[in-house]
């Protein structure tokens, strides 16, 4: 009887040890911190190439910088509020937007979906030149160090105004920093 109990205990222990999924255990402390909830700050350099009508004002290309301050709610979900500065052919915009991201479970390289949307304000003519925009994108984040990630994403940004619509294929290169 003693041999059977020891054999069952050994079998249970081995199945518990070898039954753990590898992708649920962080391989480094940096990954462990990346999965934790907490405040985040994402700064991204971005640019875009106009699609369809590129002869209109603000429609040929743009480049800029944005900053999102937010919170990581779980290993997979982040959301925040962003501000930025974009230079277009014909003028500049100051985007104010909401940003949400869903990261897939991964280790050092983390694929993600992102969606941003809000207002692109033109202080040259606030009432007539400002636009609303949406920007879905897909990307990859590299967990570079403890509480630091480097991301690259590409997407489609659509901007709409009073009687016009512009769209761009955009690219973003960013740095994500986490608080305590």
Protein backbone atom coordinates (compact mmCIF):
# COMPACT_ATOMS: atom_id res chain seq x y z
CA UNK A 1 0.00 0.00 0.00
CA UNK A 2 2.87 2.32 0.82
CA UNK A 3 4.40 1.76 -2.62
CA UNK A 4 1.12 2.59 -4.38
CA UNK A 5 0.70 5.84 -2.40
CA UNK A 6 4.29 6.91 -3.11
CA UNK A 7 3.85 6.06 -6.81
CA UNK A 8 0.61 8.09 -7.01
CA UNK A 9 2.22 11.03 -5.21
CA UNK A 10 5.23 10.91 -7.56
CA UNK A 11 2.96 10.70 -10.65
CA UNK A 12 0.86 13.64 -9.42
CA UNK A 13 3.98 15.73 -8.73
CA UNK A 14 5.50 14.99 -12.15
CA UNK A 15 2.29 15.81 -14.03
CA UNK A 16 1.99 19.07 -12.08
CA UNK A 17 5.57 20.08 -12.88
CA UNK A 18 5.55 19.09 -16.56
CA UNK A 19 1.96 20.20 -17.12
CA UNK A 20 2.75 23.90 -16.65
CA UNK A 21 2.56 25.91 -19.90
CA UNK A 22 5.87 27.55 -20.84
CA UNK A 23 4.25 30.74 -22.17
CA UNK A 24 2.64 31.59 -18.81
CA UNK A 25 5.89 31.83 -16.88
CA UNK A 26 8.11 34.86 -17.36
CA UNK A 27 11.60 33.91 -18.45
CA UNK A 28 13.20 37.12 -17.12
CA UNK A 29 12.38 39.77 -14.49
CA UNK A 30 11.85 42.30 -17.32
CA UNK A 31 9.05 40.14 -18.73
CA UNK A 32 7.56 39.69 -15.28
CA UNK A 33 7.38 43.49 -14.88
CA UNK A 34 5.94 43.88 -18.38
CA UNK A 35 2.98 41.69 -17.43
CA UNK A 36 2.12 43.61 -14.25
CA UNK A 37 -0.60 46.23 -13.97
CA UNK A 38 0.50 49.82 -13.58
CA UNK A 39 0.89 53.24 -15.13
CA UNK A 40 2.49 53.47 -18.57
CA UNK A 41 3.88 56.19 -20.82
CA UNK A 42 4.26 55.57 -24.55
CA UNK A 43 6.12 58.08 -26.72
CA UNK A 44 5.99 57.43 -30.46
CA UNK A 45 7.57 59.04 -33.50
CA UNK A 46 5.16 58.64 -36.38
CA UNK A 47 4.74 59.40 -40.04
CA UNK A 48 2.37 58.63 -42.85
CA UNK A 49 2.01 58.53 -46.60
CA UNK A 50 -1.22 59.84 -48.10
CA UNK A 51 -3.63 57.56 -49.95
CA UNK A 52 -6.10 58.39 -52.75
CA UNK A 53 -6.41 62.20 -53.03
CA UNK A 54 -2.97 63.59 -52.18
CA UNK A 55 -3.47 66.95 -53.90
CA UNK A 56 -5.62 68.47 -51.15
CA UNK A 57 -4.27 70.40 -48.19
CA UNK A 58 -2.95 68.16 -45.34
CA UNK A 59 -3.21 64.98 -47.48
CA UNK A 60 0.21 64.16 -48.99
CA UNK A 61 2.28 63.06 -45.97
CA UNK A 62 2.91 63.84 -42.33
CA UNK A 63 5.37 63.24 -39.51
CA UNK A 64 5.12 63.91 -35.80
CA UNK A 65 5.39 62.78 -32.22
CA UNK A 66 2.71 61.60 -29.79
CA UNK A 67 2.67 60.77 -26.10
CA UNK A 68 0.15 58.46 -24.41
CA UNK A 69 -0.20 58.36 -20.64
CA UNK A 70 -2.33 55.52 -19.38
CA UNK A 71 -2.74 52.38 -17.35
CA UNK A 72 -2.07 48.70 -18.01
CA UNK A 73 -5.10 46.92 -16.55
CA UNK A 74 -3.93 43.36 -17.14
CA UNK A 75 -1.23 41.47 -18.96
CA UNK A 76 -3.08 42.12 -22.22
CA UNK A 77 -5.05 45.39 -21.95
CA UNK A 78 -3.78 49.01 -21.87
CA UNK A 79 -5.61 52.30 -22.35
CA UNK A 80 -4.70 55.95 -22.09
CA UNK A 81 -5.05 59.53 -23.20
CA UNK A 82 -2.69 61.00 -25.78
CA UNK A 83 -1.49 64.32 -27.11
CA UNK A 84 0.85 65.10 -29.96
CA UNK A 85 2.15 67.29 -32.74
CA UNK A 86 1.95 66.45 -36.46
CA UNK A 87 3.35 68.40 -39.42
CA UNK A 88 1.37 67.90 -42.64
CA UNK A 89 1.87 69.45 -46.03
CA UNK A 90 -0.09 72.66 -45.55
CA UNK A 91 0.10 73.00 -41.77
CA UNK A 92 0.22 71.40 -38.36
CA UNK A 93 -2.22 69.46 -36.19
CA UNK A 94 -2.27 68.89 -32.44
CA UNK A 95 -3.98 65.53 -31.85
CA UNK A 96 -5.91 64.86 -28.62
CA UNK A 97 -7.02 61.24 -28.49
CA UNK A 98 -7.83 58.04 -26.63
CA UNK A 99 -5.57 55.03 -27.17
CA UNK A 100 -6.34 51.36 -26.40
CA UNK A 101 -4.07 48.36 -26.93
CA UNK A 102 -4.49 44.62 -26.73
CA UNK A 103 -1.28 42.61 -26.41
CA UNK A 104 -1.18 38.91 -27.14
CA UNK A 105 0.44 36.65 -24.59
CA UNK A 106 4.08 36.33 -25.51
CA UNK A 107 7.55 36.54 -24.06
CA UNK A 108 10.26 38.91 -25.33
CA UNK A 109 8.45 39.94 -28.56
CA UNK A 110 4.80 40.86 -28.04
CA UNK A 111 2.38 41.34 -30.97
CA UNK A 112 -0.45 43.81 -30.36
CA UNK A 113 -3.50 45.54 -31.82
CA UNK A 114 -4.01 49.24 -31.14
CA UNK A 115 -6.82 51.69 -31.77
CA UNK A 116 -6.65 55.45 -31.35
CA UNK A 117 -9.20 58.11 -32.10
CA UNK A 118 -9.92 61.72 -31.30
CA UNK A 119 -9.48 65.27 -32.53
CA UNK A 120 -6.68 66.72 -34.66
CA UNK A 121 -6.79 70.42 -33.79
CA UNK A 122 -5.55 73.09 -36.18
CA UNK A 123 -4.90 76.29 -34.23
CA UNK A 124 -4.60 78.22 -37.50
CA UNK A 125 -8.37 77.85 -38.01
CA UNK A 126 -9.85 75.81 -35.16
CA UNK A 127 -13.42 75.74 -36.47
CA UNK A 128 -12.75 74.92 -40.15
CA UNK A 129 -9.42 73.06 -40.35
CA UNK A 130 -9.63 70.76 -37.30
CA UNK A 131 -10.53 67.14 -37.94
CA UNK A 132 -11.61 63.97 -36.20
CA UNK A 133 -9.59 60.80 -36.77
CA UNK A 134 -9.41 57.08 -36.13
CA UNK A 135 -6.24 55.01 -36.33
CA UNK A 136 -6.37 51.21 -36.03
CA UNK A 137 -2.95 49.53 -36.20
CA UNK A 138 -1.00 46.34 -35.58
CA UNK A 139 2.48 46.10 -34.19
CA UNK A 140 5.21 44.33 -32.28
CA UNK A 141 6.78 45.31 -28.97
CA UNK A 142 10.20 44.17 -27.83
CA UNK A 143 10.65 44.03 -24.05
CA UNK A 144 14.11 45.61 -24.07
CA UNK A 145 14.78 46.02 -20.35
CA UNK A 146 13.11 46.18 -16.98
CA UNK A 147 9.98 48.39 -17.39
CA UNK A 148 11.05 49.44 -20.92
CA UNK A 149 9.74 48.34 -24.30
CA UNK A 150 10.42 49.35 -27.90
CA UNK A 151 7.49 49.15 -30.31
CA UNK A 152 6.88 49.39 -34.03
CA UNK A 153 3.42 49.49 -35.59
CA UNK A 154 1.70 50.27 -38.84
CA UNK A 155 -1.88 51.15 -39.53
CA UNK A 156 -4.39 53.26 -41.37
CA UNK A 157 -5.33 56.72 -40.18
CA UNK A 158 -8.52 58.31 -41.51
CA UNK A 159 -9.13 62.01 -40.86
CA UNK A 160 -12.45 63.71 -41.55
CA UNK A 161 -13.39 67.37 -41.60
CA UNK A 162 -16.35 69.45 -42.69
CA UNK A 163 -16.43 68.32 -46.34
CA UNK A 164 -13.22 66.35 -46.83
CA UNK A 165 -11.59 63.10 -45.84
CA UNK A 166 -7.93 62.13 -45.97
CA UNK A 167 -6.29 58.81 -45.24
CA UNK A 168 -2.73 57.67 -44.65
CA UNK A 169 -0.74 54.49 -44.18
CA UNK A 170 1.16 55.35 -41.01
CA UNK A 171 4.18 53.96 -39.17
CA UNK A 172 5.05 54.43 -35.50
CA UNK A 173 8.28 53.79 -33.62
CA UNK A 174 7.89 54.11 -29.86
CA UNK A 175 9.29 53.67 -26.39
CA UNK A 176 7.05 52.36 -23.61
CA UNK A 177 7.98 53.06 -19.99
CA UNK A 178 6.21 51.59 -16.95
CA UNK A 179 5.84 53.06 -13.50
CA UNK A 180 6.00 51.11 -10.27
